[in-house]
PDB file of N, CA and C in Angstrom:
ATOM      1  N   MET A   1      41.019 107.605  26.473  1.00  0.00           N
ATOM      2  CA  MET A   1      41.399 106.210  26.557  1.00  0.00           C
ATOM      3  C   MET A   1      42.093 105.975  27.895  1.00  0.00           C
ATOM      4  N   ALA A   2      41.549 105.076  28.681  1.00  0.00           N
ATOM      5  CA  ALA A   2      42.107 104.783  30.002  1.00  0.00           C
ATOM      6  C   ALA A   2      43.312 103.868  29.862  1.00  0.00           C
ATOM      7  N   GLN A   3      44.304 104.124  30.700  1.00  0.00           N
ATOM      8  CA  GLN A   3      45.488 103.276  30.723  1.00  0.00           C
ATOM      9  C   GLN A   3      45.735 102.799  32.136  1.00  0.00           C
ATOM     10  N   GLU A   4      46.190 101.598  32.269  1.00  0.00           N
ATOM     11  CA  GLU A   4      46.596 101.060  33.554  1.00  0.00           C
ATOM     12  C   GLU A   4      48.063 101.377  33.762  1.00  0.00           C
ATOM     13  N   LEU A   5      48.399 101.810  34.951  1.00  0.00           N
ATOM     14  CA  LEU A   5      49.800 102.030  35.280  1.00  0.00           C
ATOM     15  C   LEU A   5      50.443 100.695  35.594  1.00  0.00           C
ATOM     16  N   GLU A   6      51.592 100.469  35.043  1.00  0.00           N
ATOM     17  CA  GLU A   6      52.327  99.248  35.336  1.00  0.00           C
ATOM     18  C   GLU A   6      53.164  99.494  36.585  1.00  0.00           C
ATOM     19  N   LEU A   7      52.955  98.653  37.594  1.00  0.00           N
ATOM     20  CA  LEU A   7      53.699  98.795  38.832  1.00  0.00           C
ATOM     21  C   LEU A   7      54.964  97.963  38.770  1.00  0.00           C
ATOM     22  N   ALA A   8      56.045  98.594  39.105  1.00  0.00           N
ATOM     23  CA  ALA A   8      57.316  97.883  39.158  1.00  0.00           C
ATOM     24  C   ALA A   8      57.394  97.142  40.485  1.00  0.00           C
ATOM     25  N   VAL A   9      57.701  95.883  40.421  1.00  0.00           N
ATOM     26  CA  VAL A   9      57.872  95.095  41.638  1.00  0.00           C
ATOM     27  C   VAL A   9      59.357  95.030  41.931  1.00  0.00           C
ATOM     28  N   SER A  10      59.698  95.424  43.118  1.00  0.00           N
ATOM     29  CA  SER A  10      61.091  95.471  43.518  1.00  0.00           C
ATOM     30  C   SER A  10      61.655  94.072  43.692  1.00  0.00           C
ATOM     31  N   THR A  11      62.919  93.950  43.376  1.00  0.00           N
ATOM     32  CA  THR A  11      63.624  92.702  43.658  1.00  0.00           C
ATOM     33  C   THR A  11      64.452  92.852  44.932  1.00  0.00           C
ATOM     34  N   ALA A  12      64.329  94.010  45.579  1.00  0.00           N
ATOM     35  CA  ALA A  12      65.057  94.235  46.833  1.00  0.00           C
ATOM     36  C   ALA A  12      64.550  93.267  47.896  1.00  0.00           C
ATOM     37  N   PRO A  13      65.437  92.789  48.751  1.00  0.00           N
ATOM     38  CA  PRO A  13      64.994  91.899  49.819  1.00  0.00           C
ATOM     39  C   PRO A  13      64.074  92.638  50.782  1.00  0.00           C
ATOM     40  N   VAL A  14      63.152  91.908  51.391  1.00  0.00           N
ATOM     41  CA  VAL A  14      62.250  92.485  52.375  1.00  0.00           C
ATOM     42  C   VAL A  14      63.054  92.656  53.663  1.00  0.00           C
ATOM     43  N   ALA A  15      63.677  93.820  53.757  1.00  0.00           N
ATOM     44  CA  ALA A  15      64.516  94.134  54.912  1.00  0.00           C
ATOM     45  C   ALA A  15      64.543  95.647  55.081  1.00  0.00           C
ATOM     46  N   CYS A  16      64.590  96.071  56.323  1.00  0.00           N
ATOM     47  CA  CYS A  16      64.633  97.497  56.641  1.00  0.00           C
ATOM     48  C   CYS A  16      66.086  97.896  56.887  1.00  0.00           C
ATOM     49  N   THR A  17      66.437  99.110  56.480  1.00  0.00           N
ATOM     50  CA  THR A  17      67.815  99.577  56.650  1.00  0.00           C
ATOM     51  C   THR A  17      68.032 100.281  57.988  1.00  0.00           C
ATOM     52  N   LEU A  18      66.987 100.399  58.812  1.00  0.00           N
ATOM     53  CA  LEU A  18      67.148 101.052  60.116  1.00  0.00           C
ATOM     54  C   LEU A  18      67.868 100.129  61.093  1.00  0.00           C
ATOM     55  N   SER A  19      68.562 100.726  62.039  1.00  0.00           N
ATOM     56  CA  SER A  19      69.185  99.936  63.117  1.00  0.00           C
ATOM     57  C   SER A  19      68.068  99.399  64.015  1.00  0.00           C
ATOM     58  N   ASN A  20      68.391  98.476  64.881  1.00  0.00           N
ATOM     59  CA  ASN A  20      67.385  97.906  65.779  1.00  0.00           C
ATOM     60  C   ASN A  20      66.728  98.974  66.648  1.00  0.00           C
ATOM     61  N   ASP A  21      67.519  99.913  67.187  1.00  0.00           N
ATOM     62  CA  ASP A  21      66.962 100.991  68.008  1.00  0.00           C
ATOM     63  C   ASP A  21      66.068 101.920  67.182  1.00  0.00           C
ATOM     64  N   GLU A  22      66.533 102.267  65.975  1.00  0.00           N
ATOM     65  CA  GLU A  22      65.730 103.122  65.092  1.00  0.00           C
ATOM     66  C   GLU A  22      64.434 102.420  64.691  1.00  0.00           C
ATOM     67  N   LEU A  23      64.528 101.129  64.429  1.00  0.00           N
ATOM     68  CA  LEU A  23      63.352 100.361  64.038  1.00  0.00           C
ATOM     69  C   LEU A  23      62.352 100.286  65.183  1.00  0.00           C
ATOM     70  N   ALA A  24      62.822 100.119  66.393  1.00  0.00           N
ATOM     71  CA  ALA A  24      61.926 100.077  67.555  1.00  0.00           C
ATOM     72  C   ALA A  24      61.182 101.406  67.703  1.00  0.00           C
ATOM     73  N   ASP A  25      61.902 102.519  67.573  1.00  0.00           N
ATOM     74  CA  ASP A  25      61.270 103.838  67.661  1.00  0.00           C
ATOM     75  C   ASP A  25      60.277 104.037  66.519  1.00  0.00           C
ATOM     76  N   ARG A  26      60.661 103.672  65.321  1.00  0.00           N
ATOM     77  CA  ARG A  26      59.803 103.852  64.156  1.00  0.00           C
ATOM     78  C   ARG A  26      58.555 102.978  64.255  1.00  0.00           C
ATOM     79  N   SER A  27      58.691 101.784  64.790  1.00  0.00           N
ATOM     80  CA  SER A  27      57.548 100.886  64.932  1.00  0.00           C
ATOM     81  C   SER A  27      56.464 101.501  65.812  1.00  0.00           C
ATOM     82  N   VAL A  28      56.872 102.184  66.875  1.00  0.00           N
ATOM     83  CA  VAL A  28      55.911 102.855  67.754  1.00  0.00           C
ATOM     84  C   VAL A  28      55.149 103.915  66.961  1.00  0.00           C
ATOM     85  N   GLU A  29      55.871 104.713  66.169  1.00  0.00           N
ATOM     86  CA  GLU A  29      55.250 105.762  65.358  1.00  0.00           C
ATOM     87  C   GLU A  29      54.290 105.172  64.320  1.00  0.00           C
ATOM     88  N   VAL A  30      54.730 104.127  63.647  1.00  0.00           N
ATOM     89  CA  VAL A  30      53.920 103.518  62.587  1.00  0.00           C
ATOM     90  C   VAL A  30      52.661 102.893  63.167  1.00  0.00           C
ATOM     91  N   HIS A  31      52.789 102.176  64.268  1.00  0.00           N
ATOM     92  CA  HIS A  31      51.610 101.552  64.882  1.00  0.00           C
ATOM     93  C   HIS A  31      50.621 102.612  65.359  1.00  0.00           C
ATOM     94  N   ALA A  32      51.111 103.727  65.882  1.00  0.00           N
ATOM     95  CA  ALA A  32      50.230 104.816  66.313  1.00  0.00           C
ATOM     96  C   ALA A  32      49.476 105.388  65.108  1.00  0.00           C
ATOM     97  N   MET A  33      50.174 105.548  63.993  1.00  0.00           N
ATOM     98  CA  MET A  33      49.537 106.061  62.789  1.00  0.00           C
ATOM     99  C   MET A  33      48.489 105.090  62.260  1.00  0.00           C
ATOM    100  N   PHE A  34      48.826 103.811  62.207  1.00  0.00           N
ATOM    101  CA  PHE A  34      47.918 102.812  61.649  1.00  0.00           C
ATOM    102  C   PHE A  34      46.747 102.498  62.576  1.00  0.00           C
ATOM    103  N   ALA A  35      46.770 103.002  63.796  1.00  0.00           N
ATOM    104  CA  ALA A  35      45.613 102.877  64.686  1.00  0.00           C
ATOM    105  C   ALA A  35      44.440 103.705  64.156  1.00  0.00           C
ATOM    106  N   HIS A  36      44.709 104.618  63.224  1.00  0.00           N
ATOM    107  CA  HIS A  36      43.685 105.485  62.649  1.00  0.00           C
ATOM    108  C   HIS A  36      43.137 104.968  61.321  1.00  0.00           C
ATOM    109  N   VAL A  37      43.523 103.773  60.925  1.00  0.00           N
ATOM    110  CA  VAL A  37      43.022 103.184  59.683  1.00  0.00           C
ATOM    111  C   VAL A  37      41.512 102.979  59.820  1.00  0.00           C
ATOM    112  N   GLU A  38      40.790 103.446  58.825  1.00  0.00           N
ATOM    113  CA  GLU A  38      39.326 103.341  58.832  1.00  0.00           C
ATOM    114  C   GLU A  38      38.824 102.071  58.163  1.00  0.00           C
ATOM    115  N   ALA A  39      39.602 101.530  57.252  1.00  0.00           N
ATOM    116  CA  ALA A  39      39.231 100.301  56.541  1.00  0.00           C
ATOM    117  C   ALA A  39      40.492  99.725  55.911  1.00  0.00           C
ATOM    118  N   THR A  40      40.456  98.437  55.653  1.00  0.00           N
ATOM    119  CA  THR A  40      41.592  97.737  55.038  1.00  0.00           C
ATOM    120  C   THR A  40      41.066  96.878  53.903  1.00  0.00           C
ATOM    121  N   ARG A  41      41.814  96.853  52.808  1.00  0.00           N
ATOM    122  CA  ARG A  41      41.506  95.972  51.672  1.00  0.00           C
ATOM    123  C   ARG A  41      42.731  95.138  51.369  1.00  0.00           C
ATOM    124  N   GLU A  42      42.543  93.843  51.289  1.00  0.00           N
ATOM    125  CA  GLU A  42      43.644  92.976  50.881  1.00  0.00           C
ATOM    126  C   GLU A  42      43.759  93.032  49.362  1.00  0.00           C
ATOM    127  N   LEU A  43      44.973  93.203  48.893  1.00  0.00           N
ATOM    128  CA  LEU A  43      45.274  93.203  47.466  1.00  0.00           C
ATOM    129  C   LEU A  43      46.028  91.928  47.130  1.00  0.00           C
ATOM    130  N   VAL A  44      46.145  91.605  45.880  1.00  0.00           N
ATOM    131  CA  VAL A  44      46.889  90.411  45.464  1.00  0.00           C
ATOM    132  C   VAL A  44      48.328  90.484  45.960  1.00  0.00           C
ATOM    133  N   ASP A  45      48.906  91.696  45.910  1.00  0.00           N
ATOM    134  CA  ASP A  45      50.326  91.865  46.237  1.00  0.00           C
ATOM    135  C   ASP A  45      50.566  92.829  47.403  1.00  0.00           C
ATOM    136  N   GLY A  46      49.592  92.961  48.298  1.00  0.00           N
ATOM    137  CA  GLY A  46      49.769  93.846  49.452  1.00  0.00           C
ATOM    138  C   GLY A  46      48.454  94.190  50.104  1.00  0.00           C
ATOM    139  N   TYR A  47      48.384  95.400  50.653  1.00  0.00           N
ATOM    140  CA  TYR A  47      47.183  95.879  51.332  1.00  0.00           C
ATOM    141  C   TYR A  47      46.963  97.338  51.004  1.00  0.00           C
ATOM    142  N   ALA A  48      45.696  97.758  51.064  1.00  0.00           N
ATOM    143  CA  ALA A  48      45.321  99.167  50.960  1.00  0.00           C
ATOM    144  C   ALA A  48      44.655  99.549  52.277  1.00  0.00           C
ATOM    145  N   PHE A  49      45.023 100.698  52.793  1.00  0.00           N
ATOM    146  CA  PHE A  49      44.525 101.190  54.069  1.00  0.00           C
ATOM    147  C   PHE A  49      43.855 102.544  53.868  1.00  0.00           C
ATOM    148  N   ARG A  50      42.626 102.696  54.382  1.00  0.00           N
ATOM    149  CA  ARG A  50      41.906 103.955  54.243  1.00  0.00           C
ATOM    150  C   ARG A  50      42.131 104.829  55.473  1.00  0.00           C
ATOM    151  N   PHE A  51      42.530 106.077  55.201  1.00  0.00           N
ATOM    152  CA  PHE A  51      42.763 107.080  56.241  1.00  0.00           C
ATOM    153  C   PHE A  51      41.844 108.270  55.998  1.00  0.00           C
ATOM    154  N   PRO A  52      41.641 109.114  57.014  1.00  0.00           N
ATOM    155  CA  PRO A  52      40.853 110.329  56.808  1.00  0.00           C
ATOM    156  C   PRO A  52      41.449 111.168  55.671  1.00  0.00           C
ATOM    157  N   GLY A  53      40.607 111.983  55.039  1.00  0.00           N
ATOM    158  CA  GLY A  53      41.045 112.742  53.875  1.00  0.00           C
ATOM    159  C   GLY A  53      41.387 114.199  54.134  1.00  0.00           C
ATOM    160  N   ASP A  54      41.488 114.598  55.400  1.00  0.00           N
ATOM    161  CA  ASP A  54      41.792 116.002  55.667  1.00  0.00           C
ATOM    162  C   ASP A  54      43.266 116.307  55.414  1.00  0.00           C
ATOM    163  N   ALA A  55      43.579 117.597  55.376  1.00  0.00           N
ATOM    164  CA  ALA A  55      44.934 118.050  55.028  1.00  0.00           C
ATOM    165  C   ALA A  55      45.995 117.494  55.976  1.00  0.00           C
ATOM    166  N   GLU A  56      45.679 117.360  57.239  1.00  0.00           N
ATOM    167  CA  GLU A  56      46.648 116.808  58.198  1.00  0.00           C
ATOM    168  C   GLU A  56      47.041 115.384  57.806  1.00  0.00           C
ATOM    169  N   TRP A  57      46.065 114.570  57.425  1.00  0.00           N
ATOM    170  CA  TRP A  57      46.363 113.186  57.053  1.00  0.00           C
ATOM    171  C   TRP A  57      47.073 113.099  55.710  1.00  0.00           C
ATOM    172  N   VAL A  58      46.746 113.981  54.804  1.00  0.00           N
ATOM    173  CA  VAL A  58      47.467 114.008  53.534  1.00  0.00           C
ATOM    174  C   VAL A  58      48.947 114.247  53.802  1.00  0.00           C
ATOM    175  N   ALA A  59      49.253 115.216  54.663  1.00  0.00           N
ATOM    176  CA  ALA A  59      50.651 115.525  55.001  1.00  0.00           C
ATOM    177  C   ALA A  59      51.308 114.356  55.736  1.00  0.00           C
ATOM    178  N   ARG A  60      50.601 113.763  56.680  1.00  0.00           N
ATOM    179  CA  ARG A  60      51.173 112.634  57.439  1.00  0.00           C
ATOM    180  C   ARG A  60      51.483 111.457  56.533  1.00  0.00           C
ATOM    181  N   LEU A  61      50.581 111.164  55.612  1.00  0.00           N
ATOM    182  CA  LEU A  61      50.796 110.030  54.712  1.00  0.00           C
ATOM    183  C   LEU A  61      51.928 110.297  53.734  1.00  0.00           C
ATOM    184  N   ALA A  62      52.024 111.513  53.242  1.00  0.00           N
ATOM    185  CA  ALA A  62      53.137 111.855  52.352  1.00  0.00           C
ATOM    186  C   ALA A  62      54.465 111.741  53.102  1.00  0.00           C
ATOM    187  N   GLU A  63      54.497 112.186  54.344  1.00  0.00           N
ATOM    188  CA  GLU A  63      55.711 112.072  55.165  1.00  0.00           C
ATOM    189  C   GLU A  63      56.054 110.608  55.420  1.00  0.00           C
ATOM    190  N   PHE A  64      55.036 109.791  55.695  1.00  0.00           N
ATOM    191  CA  PHE A  64      55.238 108.360  55.908  1.00  0.00           C
ATOM    192  C   PHE A  64      55.887 107.728  54.671  1.00  0.00           C
ATOM    193  N   VAL A  65      55.331 108.013  53.494  1.00  0.00           N
ATOM    194  CA  VAL A  65      55.862 107.439  52.258  1.00  0.00           C
ATOM    195  C   VAL A  65      57.301 107.897  52.036  1.00  0.00           C
ATOM    196  N   ALA A  66      57.569 109.180  52.231  1.00  0.00           N
ATOM    197  CA  ALA A  66      58.928 109.696  52.027  1.00  0.00           C
ATOM    198  C   ALA A  66      59.925 108.992  52.944  1.00  0.00           C
ATOM    199  N   PHE A  67      59.560 108.785  54.198  1.00  0.00           N
ATOM    200  CA  PHE A  67      60.458 108.121  55.146  1.00  0.00           C
ATOM    201  C   PHE A  67      60.647 106.654  54.783  1.00  0.00           C
ATOM    202  N   GLU A  68      59.536 105.962  54.556  1.00  0.00           N
ATOM    203  CA  GLU A  68      59.593 104.522  54.314  1.00  0.00           C
ATOM    204  C   GLU A  68      60.272 104.176  52.988  1.00  0.00           C
ATOM    205  N   ARG A  69      60.179 105.043  51.995  1.00  0.00           N
ATOM    206  CA  ARG A  69      60.862 104.788  50.718  1.00  0.00           C
ATOM    207  C   ARG A  69      62.366 104.661  50.914  1.00  0.00           C
ATOM    208  N   ALA A  70      62.898 105.377  51.895  1.00  0.00           N
ATOM    209  CA  ALA A  70      64.341 105.351  52.146  1.00  0.00           C
ATOM    210  C   ALA A  70      64.777 104.100  52.897  1.00  0.00           C
ATOM    211  N   CYS A  71      63.944 103.613  53.807  1.00  0.00           N
ATOM    212  CA  CYS A  71      64.398 102.494  54.643  1.00  0.00           C
ATOM    213  C   CYS A  71      63.804 101.143  54.234  1.00  0.00           C
ATOM    214  N   CYS A  72      62.695 101.147  53.562  1.00  0.00           N
ATOM    215  CA  CYS A  72      62.037  99.901  53.143  1.00  0.00           C
ATOM    216  C   CYS A  72      61.811  99.951  51.641  1.00  0.00           C
ATOM    217  N   GLN A  73      62.873  99.769  50.907  1.00  0.00           N
ATOM    218  CA  GLN A  73      62.868  99.988  49.469  1.00  0.00           C
ATOM    219  C   GLN A  73      62.167  98.886  48.678  1.00  0.00           C
ATOM    220  N   PHE A  74      61.652  97.906  49.357  1.00  0.00           N
ATOM    221  CA  PHE A  74      60.944  96.809  48.710  1.00  0.00           C
ATOM    222  C   PHE A  74      59.477  97.129  48.464  1.00  0.00           C
ATOM    223  N   PHE A  75      58.949  98.191  49.067  1.00  0.00           N
ATOM    224  CA  PHE A  75      57.550  98.563  48.897  1.00  0.00           C
ATOM    225  C   PHE A  75      57.322  99.360  47.617  1.00  0.00           C
ATOM    226  N   THR A  76      56.168  99.171  47.019  1.00  0.00           N
ATOM    227  CA  THR A  76      55.610 100.097  46.047  1.00  0.00           C
ATOM    228  C   THR A  76      54.506 100.827  46.794  1.00  0.00           C
ATOM    229  N   PHE A  77      54.549 102.150  46.794  1.00  0.00           N
ATOM    230  CA  PHE A  77      53.584 102.967  47.523  1.00  0.00           C
ATOM    231  C   PHE A  77      52.617 103.610  46.544  1.00  0.00           C
ATOM    232  N   GLU A  78      51.355 103.662  46.935  1.00  0.00           N
ATOM    233  CA  GLU A  78      50.349 104.378  46.159  1.00  0.00           C
ATOM    234  C   GLU A  78      49.467 105.157  47.126  1.00  0.00           C
ATOM    235  N   LEU A  79      49.215 106.416  46.814  1.00  0.00           N
ATOM    236  CA  LEU A  79      48.244 107.218  47.550  1.00  0.00           C
ATOM    237  C   LEU A  79      47.118 107.545  46.576  1.00  0.00           C
ATOM    238  N   THR A  80      45.906 107.222  46.965  1.00  0.00           N
ATOM    239  CA  THR A  80      44.735 107.494  46.142  1.00  0.00           C
ATOM    240  C   THR A  80      43.821 108.417  46.926  1.00  0.00           C
ATOM    241  N   PHE A  81      43.511 109.554  46.313  1.00  0.00           N
ATOM    242  CA  PHE A  81      42.697 110.578  46.959  1.00  0.00           C
ATOM    243  C   PHE A  81      41.281 110.521  46.405  1.00  0.00           C
ATOM    244  N   ALA A  82      40.307 110.234  47.282  1.00  0.00           N
ATOM    245  CA  ALA A  82      38.910 110.182  46.854  1.00  0.00           C
ATOM    246  C   ALA A  82      38.417 111.585  46.512  1.00  0.00           C
ATOM    247  N   PRO A  83      37.434 111.675  45.607  1.00  0.00           N
ATOM    248  CA  PRO A  83      36.911 112.996  45.247  1.00  0.00           C
ATOM    249  C   PRO A  83      36.212 113.670  46.431  1.00  0.00           C
ATOM    250  N   GLU A  84      36.025 114.970  46.290  1.00  0.00           N
ATOM    251  CA  GLU A  84      35.309 115.786  47.275  1.00  0.00           C
ATOM    252  C   GLU A  84      35.943 115.708  48.659  1.00  0.00           C
ATOM    253  N   LEU A  85      37.270 115.691  48.685  1.00  0.00           N
ATOM    254  CA  LEU A  85      38.040 115.643  49.928  1.00  0.00           C
ATOM    255  C   LEU A  85      37.702 114.416  50.773  1.00  0.00           C
ATOM    256  N   GLY A  86      37.384 113.328  50.089  1.00  0.00           N
ATOM    257  CA  GLY A  86      37.086 112.075  50.777  1.00  0.00           C
ATOM    258  C   GLY A  86      38.350 111.443  51.325  1.00  0.00           C
ATOM    259  N   PRO A  87      38.252 110.198  51.739  1.00  0.00           N
ATOM    260  CA  PRO A  87      39.392 109.530  52.360  1.00  0.00           C
ATOM    261  C   PRO A  87      40.572 109.348  51.408  1.00  0.00           C
ATOM    262  N   VAL A  88      41.711 109.061  52.010  1.00  0.00           N
ATOM    263  CA  VAL A  88      42.929 108.767  51.265  1.00  0.00           C
ATOM    264  C   VAL A  88      43.250 107.296  51.489  1.00  0.00           C
ATOM    265  N   TRP A  89      43.531 106.599  50.408  1.00  0.00           N
ATOM    266  CA  TRP A  89      43.934 105.200  50.490  1.00  0.00           C
ATOM    267  C   TRP A  89      45.440 105.111  50.298  1.00  0.00           C
ATOM    268  N   LEU A  90      46.103 104.445  51.211  1.00  0.00           N
ATOM    269  CA  LEU A  90      47.531 104.156  51.123  1.00  0.00           C
ATOM    270  C   LEU A  90      47.665 102.679  50.787  1.00  0.00           C
ATOM    271  N   SER A  91      48.245 102.387  49.632  1.00  0.00           N
ATOM    272  CA  SER A  91      48.491 101.000  49.248  1.00  0.00           C
ATOM    273  C   SER A  91      49.973 100.704  49.398  1.00  0.00           C
ATOM    274  N   LEU A  92      50.259  99.586  50.028  1.00  0.00           N
ATOM    275  CA  LEU A  92      51.619  99.072  50.198  1.00  0.00           C
ATOM    276  C   LEU A  92      51.660  97.760  49.437  1.00  0.00           C
ATOM    277  N   ARG A  93      52.456  97.725  48.370  1.00  0.00           N
ATOM    278  CA  ARG A  93      52.476  96.579  47.479  1.00  0.00           C
ATOM    279  C   ARG A  93      53.901  96.140  47.206  1.00  0.00           C
ATOM    280  N   GLY A  94      54.045  94.933  46.686  1.00  0.00           N
ATOM    281  CA  GLY A  94      55.365  94.457  46.323  1.00  0.00           C
ATOM    282  C   GLY A  94      55.388  92.958  46.128  1.00  0.00           C
ATOM    283  N   GLY A  95      56.593  92.437  46.192  1.00  0.00           N
ATOM    284  CA  GLY A  95      56.809  91.016  45.965  1.00  0.00           C
ATOM    285  C   GLY A  95      56.575  90.181  47.214  1.00  0.00           C
ATOM    286  N   GLU A  96      57.130  89.003  47.182  1.00  0.00           N
ATOM    287  CA  GLU A  96      56.970  88.039  48.271  1.00  0.00           C
ATOM    288  C   GLU A  96      57.411  88.638  49.603  1.00  0.00           C
ATOM    289  N   GLY A  97      56.585  88.448  50.627  1.00  0.00           N
ATOM    290  CA  GLY A  97      56.895  88.920  51.971  1.00  0.00           C
ATOM    291  C   GLY A  97      56.335  90.291  52.301  1.00  0.00           C
ATOM    292  N   VAL A  98      55.922  91.037  51.285  1.00  0.00           N
ATOM    293  CA  VAL A  98      55.428  92.397  51.520  1.00  0.00           C
ATOM    294  C   VAL A  98      54.102  92.387  52.273  1.00  0.00           C
ATOM    295  N   LYS A  99      53.232  91.452  51.950  1.00  0.00           N
ATOM    296  CA  LYS A  99      51.934  91.408  52.623  1.00  0.00           C
ATOM    297  C   LYS A  99      52.109  91.236  54.131  1.00  0.00           C
ATOM    298  N   GLU A 100      53.032  90.415  54.540  1.00  0.00           N
ATOM    299  CA  GLU A 100      53.251  90.171  55.958  1.00  0.00           C
ATOM    300  C   GLU A 100      53.752  91.437  56.667  1.00  0.00           C
ATOM    301  N   VAL A 101      54.650  92.168  56.004  1.00  0.00           N
ATOM    302  CA  VAL A 101      55.156  93.402  56.585  1.00  0.00           C
ATOM    303  C   VAL A 101      54.034  94.431  56.690  1.00  0.00           C
ATOM    304  N   ALA A 102      53.269  94.608  55.623  1.00  0.00           N
ATOM    305  CA  ALA A 102      52.163  95.568  55.625  1.00  0.00           C
ATOM    306  C   ALA A 102      51.142  95.201  56.697  1.00  0.00           C
ATOM    307  N   GLN A 103      50.840  93.940  56.813  1.00  0.00           N
ATOM    308  CA  GLN A 103      49.883  93.484  57.811  1.00  0.00           C
ATOM    309  C   GLN A 103      50.381  93.738  59.224  1.00  0.00           C
ATOM    310  N   SER A 104      51.700  93.668  59.430  1.00  0.00           N
ATOM    311  CA  SER A 104      52.255  93.875  60.763  1.00  0.00           C
ATOM    312  C   SER A 104      52.054  95.304  61.260  1.00  0.00           C
ATOM    313  N   PHE A 105      51.857  96.252  60.350  1.00  0.00           N
ATOM    314  CA  PHE A 105      51.618  97.631  60.759  1.00  0.00           C
ATOM    315  C   PHE A 105      50.319  97.765  61.531  1.00  0.00           C
ATOM    316  N   MET A 106      49.407  96.825  61.327  1.00  0.00           N
ATOM    317  CA  MET A 106      48.103  96.877  61.979  1.00  0.00           C
ATOM    318  C   MET A 106      48.107  96.207  63.354  1.00  0.00           C
ATOM    319  N   SER A 107      49.125  95.458  63.664  1.00  0.00           N
ATOM    320  CA  SER A 107      49.108  94.728  64.943  1.00  0.00           C
ATOM    321  C   SER A 107      49.771  95.490  66.057  1.00  0.00           C
TER     322      SER A 107
END
């Protein structure tokens, strides 16, 4: 019997806890990473981004989620691994304002 996972939507404000200097440095790293996005899907409450499925990208995406969970607590993160070592989808979801933040990673 299949079950849908219920995603908790954060009530945290859409704000980063990094200082301005830390945010500037992190933005460079994030934009460099998102330059490797292979495809994008708009979701009702965010975006899904497809990345390569090799071990290096699995590690990079896990590190990204671990870092961002600490400073951007308004996101719900999902990593979906395609079968046969296919691509990895990173979904960034949440409440109001999250789509704009997720979209900014691509610019």
